[in-house]
């Protein structure tokens, strides 16, 4: 989960010109934890776990940033 938190922080800062969006960082951390928790019995190396955490943070942060306005429009 450390990788997903740090990745969420970096991606959020890149998307917002150096400013953090704490909501995106928290969602990235949660997404990394969910991915690692759901695949915990299949992971064989720490590198794979880090790649999964990074992927979860990337998908969560980018999805939250670009799809938030579309979802709120239909609620």
Foldseek 3Di string as FASTA:
>chain_A
DVLQLVLQQVVQCVVVVRDHDVVLSVQLVVQLVVQCVVCVVPDDDVVVSSVSSNVSSVCSNVCCVPVVVVVVVVD
